[in-house]
Amino acid sequence: MANLKITLVKSLNDRVKVQVATANSLGLRKIGDVTTQPDNAQTQGKIKKISHLIKVTEA
C-alpha cells in the first residue's frame, strides 16, 4: 500500500471548524507540518475536504 506525504501550506486561522478538525485529525497543526498517511479511502476523503490548504505528494 502506498503512503502519501501531506504538508500544510496555508494557515488554519479563520477556517471553518470542520476544516480545522480535519487538518488536526491528519496531524497538521501549523504551517509547514508534514505527515505521512496511508493512501486509503478515509485519507482521500480528508484530503478532498482541505485540498486548498495542503500539498500532497507520494512518499
C-alpha atoms as a PDB file:
ATOM      1  CA  MET A   1       0.000   0.000   0.000  1.00  0.00           C
ATOM      2  CA  ALA A   2       1.313   3.458  -0.935  1.00  0.00           C
ATOM      3  CA  ASN A   3       1.791   6.292   1.510  1.00  0.00           C
ATOM      4  CA  LEU A   4       1.069   9.983   0.984  1.00  0.00           C
ATOM      5  CA  LYS A   5       3.193  12.838   2.306  1.00  0.00           C
ATOM      6  CA  ILE A   6       0.873  15.700   3.282  1.00  0.00           C
ATOM      7  CA  THR A   7       2.149  19.218   4.020  1.00  0.00           C
ATOM      8  CA  LEU A   8       0.093  22.089   5.433  1.00  0.00           C
ATOM      9  CA  VAL A   9       0.867  25.144   3.264  1.00  0.00           C
ATOM     10  CA  LYS A  10      -1.879  27.589   4.313  1.00  0.00           C
ATOM     11  CA  SER A  11      -2.965  28.797   7.739  1.00  0.00           C
ATOM     12  CA  LEU A  12      -5.889  27.310   9.664  1.00  0.00           C
ATOM     13  CA  ASN A  13      -6.825  30.741  11.066  1.00  0.00           C
ATOM     14  CA  ASP A  14     -10.363  31.880  10.179  1.00  0.00           C
ATOM     15  CA  ARG A  15     -11.261  28.489   8.679  1.00  0.00           C
ATOM     16  CA  VAL A  16     -14.462  26.539   9.217  1.00  0.00           C
ATOM     17  CA  LYS A  17     -14.312  24.319  12.315  1.00  0.00           C
ATOM     18  CA  VAL A  18     -14.735  21.192  10.194  1.00  0.00           C
ATOM     19  CA  GLN A  19     -11.655  22.057   8.128  1.00  0.00           C
ATOM     20  CA  VAL A  20      -9.563  22.704  11.244  1.00  0.00           C
ATOM     21  CA  ALA A  21     -10.720  19.414  12.778  1.00  0.00           C
ATOM     22  CA  THR A  22      -9.879  17.544   9.566  1.00  0.00           C
ATOM     23  CA  ALA A  23      -6.370  19.022   9.476  1.00  0.00           C
ATOM     24  CA  ASN A  24      -5.871  18.168  13.151  1.00  0.00           C
ATOM     25  CA  SER A  25      -7.004  14.581  12.548  1.00  0.00           C
ATOM     26  CA  LEU A  26      -4.248  14.289   9.939  1.00  0.00           C
ATOM     27  CA  GLY A  27      -1.729  15.630  12.470  1.00  0.00           C
ATOM     28  CA  LEU A  28      -1.393  19.053  10.844  1.00  0.00           C
ATOM     29  CA  ARG A  29      -1.460  21.985  13.255  1.00  0.00           C
ATOM     30  CA  LYS A  30       0.971  24.657  11.983  1.00  0.00           C
ATOM     31  CA  ILE A  31       2.101  25.792   8.535  1.00  0.00           C
ATOM     32  CA  GLY A  32       4.908  23.543   7.372  1.00  0.00           C
ATOM     33  CA  ASP A  33       3.795  20.495   9.360  1.00  0.00           C
ATOM     34  CA  VAL A  34       4.311  17.264   7.407  1.00  0.00           C
ATOM     35  CA  THR A  35       2.681  13.904   7.977  1.00  0.00           C
ATOM     36  CA  THR A  36       2.717  10.555   6.210  1.00  0.00           C
ATOM     37  CA  GLN A  37      -0.635   8.810   5.848  1.00  0.00           C
ATOM     38  CA  PRO A  38      -1.730   5.607   4.097  1.00  0.00           C
ATOM     39  CA  ASP A  39      -3.411   6.038   0.723  1.00  0.00           C
ATOM     40  CA  ASN A  40      -6.895   4.754   1.554  1.00  0.00           C
ATOM     41  CA  ALA A  41     -10.494   5.952   1.256  1.00  0.00           C
ATOM     42  CA  GLN A  42     -10.512   7.706   4.646  1.00  0.00           C
ATOM     43  CA  THR A  43      -7.379   9.700   3.898  1.00  0.00           C
ATOM     44  CA  GLN A  44      -8.608  10.589   0.393  1.00  0.00           C
ATOM     45  CA  GLY A  45     -11.837  11.967   1.874  1.00  0.00           C
ATOM     46  CA  LYS A  46      -9.917  14.130   4.337  1.00  0.00           C
ATOM     47  CA  ILE A  47      -7.664  15.392   1.543  1.00  0.00           C
ATOM     48  CA  LYS A  48     -10.684  16.443  -0.524  1.00  0.00           C
ATOM     49  CA  LYS A  49     -12.099  18.451   2.417  1.00  0.00           C
ATOM     50  CA  ILE A  50      -8.946  20.551   2.816  1.00  0.00           C
ATOM     51  CA  SER A  51      -7.268  20.253  -0.594  1.00  0.00           C
ATOM     52  CA  HIS A  52      -6.938  24.057  -0.837  1.00  0.00           C
ATOM     53  CA  LEU A  53      -4.835  24.132   2.361  1.00  0.00           C
ATOM     54  CA  ILE A  54      -2.397  21.285   1.743  1.00  0.00           C
ATOM     55  CA  LYS A  55       0.137  19.890  -0.720  1.00  0.00           C
ATOM     56  CA  VAL A  56       0.118  16.134  -1.316  1.00  0.00           C
ATOM     57  CA  THR A  57       2.971  14.058  -2.734  1.00  0.00           C
ATOM     58  CA  GLU A  58       3.569  10.343  -2.903  1.00  0.00           C
ATOM     59  CA  ALA A  59       6.007   9.101  -0.252  1.00  0.00           C
END
